[in-house]
Amino acid sequence: MNLRSLRLLALAGLVGLADPAPGQEYQGKEDHLYACMRDGIRTYTTRTLPTDAACRRITYRWVERVQQAPADPPGTFMGYKCAGSCSGHRAGYAWASQQGASTASKCTGNSQSFVEGCMAYVAEKNRGQGR
């Protein structure tokens, strides 16, 4: 699929589109949809119908991005004190980012550092929304 086709799909609201950073390649999930003529109108669908005419299969790929945590002084993670590499905090932050956590009640687990990393993400997200 070329960039023009992706932009048309983005305009149709079917896929999100962001130009990759220089040197970045699209990786991750791949799927397809069909562009078909139905009653003289071009439609986009995930499967064709026996009555569809002039269908064209469009394959697309997308990248799932994880928000990166900002750099902190050694031994801290966004205001939380941590031991070693702060990997538990980073894992909690990354998980919360992937899940789109928006409240502290979503931050549970057996590791205090993981929970604190999740809570740091929620606090940062809520600050960004003016809350």
Protein backbone atom coordinates (compact mmCIF):
# COMPACT_ATOMS: atom_id res chain seq x y z
CA MET A 1 0.00 0.00 0.00
CA ASN A 2 1.37 3.39 -0.84
CA LEU A 3 1.31 6.52 1.33
CA ARG A 4 -1.50 8.07 -0.73
CA SER A 5 -3.75 5.07 -0.01
CA LEU A 6 -2.95 5.26 3.71
CA ARG A 7 -3.81 8.96 3.78
CA LEU A 8 -7.13 8.26 2.05
CA LEU A 9 -7.92 5.62 4.66
CA ALA A 10 -6.94 8.02 7.44
CA LEU A 11 -9.27 10.64 5.99
CA ALA A 12 -12.02 8.04 5.91
CA GLY A 13 -11.37 7.49 9.63
CA LEU A 14 -10.40 3.86 9.19
CA VAL A 15 -6.77 4.05 10.30
CA GLY A 16 -4.64 6.49 12.24
CA LEU A 17 -1.73 7.86 10.25
CA ALA A 18 1.51 9.39 11.39
CA ASP A 19 4.58 9.72 9.23
CA PRO A 20 7.45 7.64 10.59
CA ALA A 21 10.49 9.34 12.04
CA PRO A 22 13.55 9.34 9.73
CA GLY A 23 14.99 5.83 9.64
CA GLN A 24 11.95 4.31 11.36
CA GLU A 25 10.33 1.32 9.71
CA TYR A 26 6.76 0.22 10.20
CA GLN A 27 6.69 -2.92 12.27
CA GLY A 28 4.07 -4.69 14.27
CA LYS A 29 0.61 -5.83 13.42
CA GLU A 30 -0.62 -6.24 9.87
CA ASP A 31 -4.18 -6.60 8.64
CA HIS A 32 -6.24 -5.93 5.55
CA LEU A 33 -9.52 -4.46 4.42
CA TYR A 34 -11.38 -4.25 1.14
CA ALA A 35 -12.30 -1.24 -0.95
CA CYS A 36 -15.51 -2.17 -2.80
CA MET A 37 -18.16 -0.50 -4.92
CA ARG A 38 -21.62 -0.87 -3.36
CA ASP A 39 -24.51 0.76 -5.15
CA GLY A 40 -22.11 3.12 -6.90
CA ILE A 41 -20.42 4.20 -3.65
CA ARG A 42 -16.91 3.17 -2.63
CA THR A 43 -16.97 1.51 0.79
CA TYR A 44 -14.28 0.05 3.02
CA THR A 45 -14.97 -3.15 4.90
CA THR A 46 -13.15 -6.03 6.60
CA ARG A 47 -14.88 -8.69 4.48
CA THR A 48 -16.48 -8.81 1.09
CA LEU A 49 -20.06 -9.69 0.31
CA PRO A 50 -21.19 -11.80 -2.67
CA THR A 51 -22.96 -8.72 -4.07
CA ASP A 52 -19.84 -6.50 -3.95
CA ALA A 53 -18.38 -5.41 -7.26
CA ALA A 54 -14.82 -4.35 -8.02
CA CYS A 55 -13.29 -5.12 -4.62
CA ARG A 56 -9.64 -4.46 -3.99
CA ARG A 57 -7.74 -5.89 -1.00
CA ILE A 58 -5.68 -3.31 0.90
CA THR A 59 -3.02 -4.52 3.33
CA TYR A 60 -1.86 -2.15 6.06
CA ARG A 61 0.53 -2.20 9.00
CA TRP A 62 0.70 -0.07 12.12
CA VAL A 63 3.05 0.57 14.99
CA GLU A 64 2.02 0.54 18.61
CA ARG A 65 3.98 3.21 20.41
CA VAL A 66 4.72 3.24 24.10
CA GLN A 67 5.23 6.59 25.73
CA GLN A 68 8.75 6.79 27.11
CA ALA A 69 9.32 7.93 30.67
CA PRO A 70 11.37 11.11 31.05
CA ALA A 71 14.96 10.98 32.35
CA ASP A 72 15.37 11.28 36.13
CA PRO A 73 18.31 11.73 38.50
CA PRO A 74 19.96 8.41 39.45
CA GLY A 75 18.03 6.46 42.07
CA THR A 76 14.72 8.16 41.34
CA PHE A 77 11.85 7.67 38.95
CA MET A 78 9.48 10.63 38.52
CA GLY A 79 9.79 11.55 42.18
CA TYR A 80 9.75 7.99 43.52
CA LYS A 81 12.89 6.63 45.16
CA CYS A 82 14.02 3.36 43.62
CA ALA A 83 16.85 0.88 43.96
CA GLY A 84 19.20 -0.16 41.20
CA SER A 85 18.04 0.53 37.66
CA CYS A 86 14.42 1.41 38.55
CA SER A 87 13.31 -1.37 36.20
CA GLY A 88 10.15 -2.10 38.21
CA HIS A 89 9.08 1.53 37.99
CA ARG A 90 9.81 1.63 34.26
CA ALA A 91 7.84 -1.58 33.72
CA GLY A 92 4.82 -0.17 35.59
CA TYR A 93 5.00 3.06 33.60
CA ALA A 94 5.23 1.19 30.28
CA TRP A 95 2.34 -1.11 31.23
CA ALA A 96 0.13 1.85 32.19
CA SER A 97 1.00 3.55 28.90
CA GLN A 98 0.07 0.47 26.88
CA GLN A 99 -3.18 -0.01 28.80
CA GLY A 100 -4.11 3.67 28.65
CA ALA A 101 -4.56 3.74 32.44
CA SER A 102 -6.25 6.96 33.53
CA THR A 103 -6.95 6.33 37.23
CA ALA A 104 -4.77 5.14 40.10
CA SER A 105 -7.27 2.31 40.78
CA LYS A 106 -5.91 0.57 37.65
CA CYS A 107 -2.43 0.42 39.28
CA THR A 108 -2.36 -2.88 41.15
CA GLY A 109 0.15 -5.66 41.54
CA ASN A 110 2.53 -7.45 43.86
CA SER A 111 5.44 -5.09 43.28
CA GLN A 112 5.44 -1.69 44.97
CA SER A 113 7.85 -0.32 42.35
CA PHE A 114 5.56 -1.51 39.49
CA VAL A 115 2.54 0.14 41.13
CA GLU A 116 4.49 3.37 41.69
CA GLY A 117 5.57 3.41 38.03
CA CYS A 118 1.94 2.99 36.97
CA MET A 119 0.86 5.76 39.34
CA ALA A 120 3.57 8.03 37.93
CA TYR A 121 2.12 7.52 34.43
CA VAL A 122 -1.43 8.25 35.62
CA ALA A 123 -0.30 11.41 37.43
CA GLU A 124 1.60 12.61 34.36
CA LYS A 125 -1.34 11.87 32.06
CA ASN A 126 -3.78 13.68 34.33
CA ARG A 127 -1.44 16.71 34.59
CA GLY A 128 -1.33 16.82 30.78
CA GLN A 129 -5.14 16.97 30.65
CA GLY A 130 -5.30 19.90 33.06
CA ARG A 131 -6.66 17.91 36.00
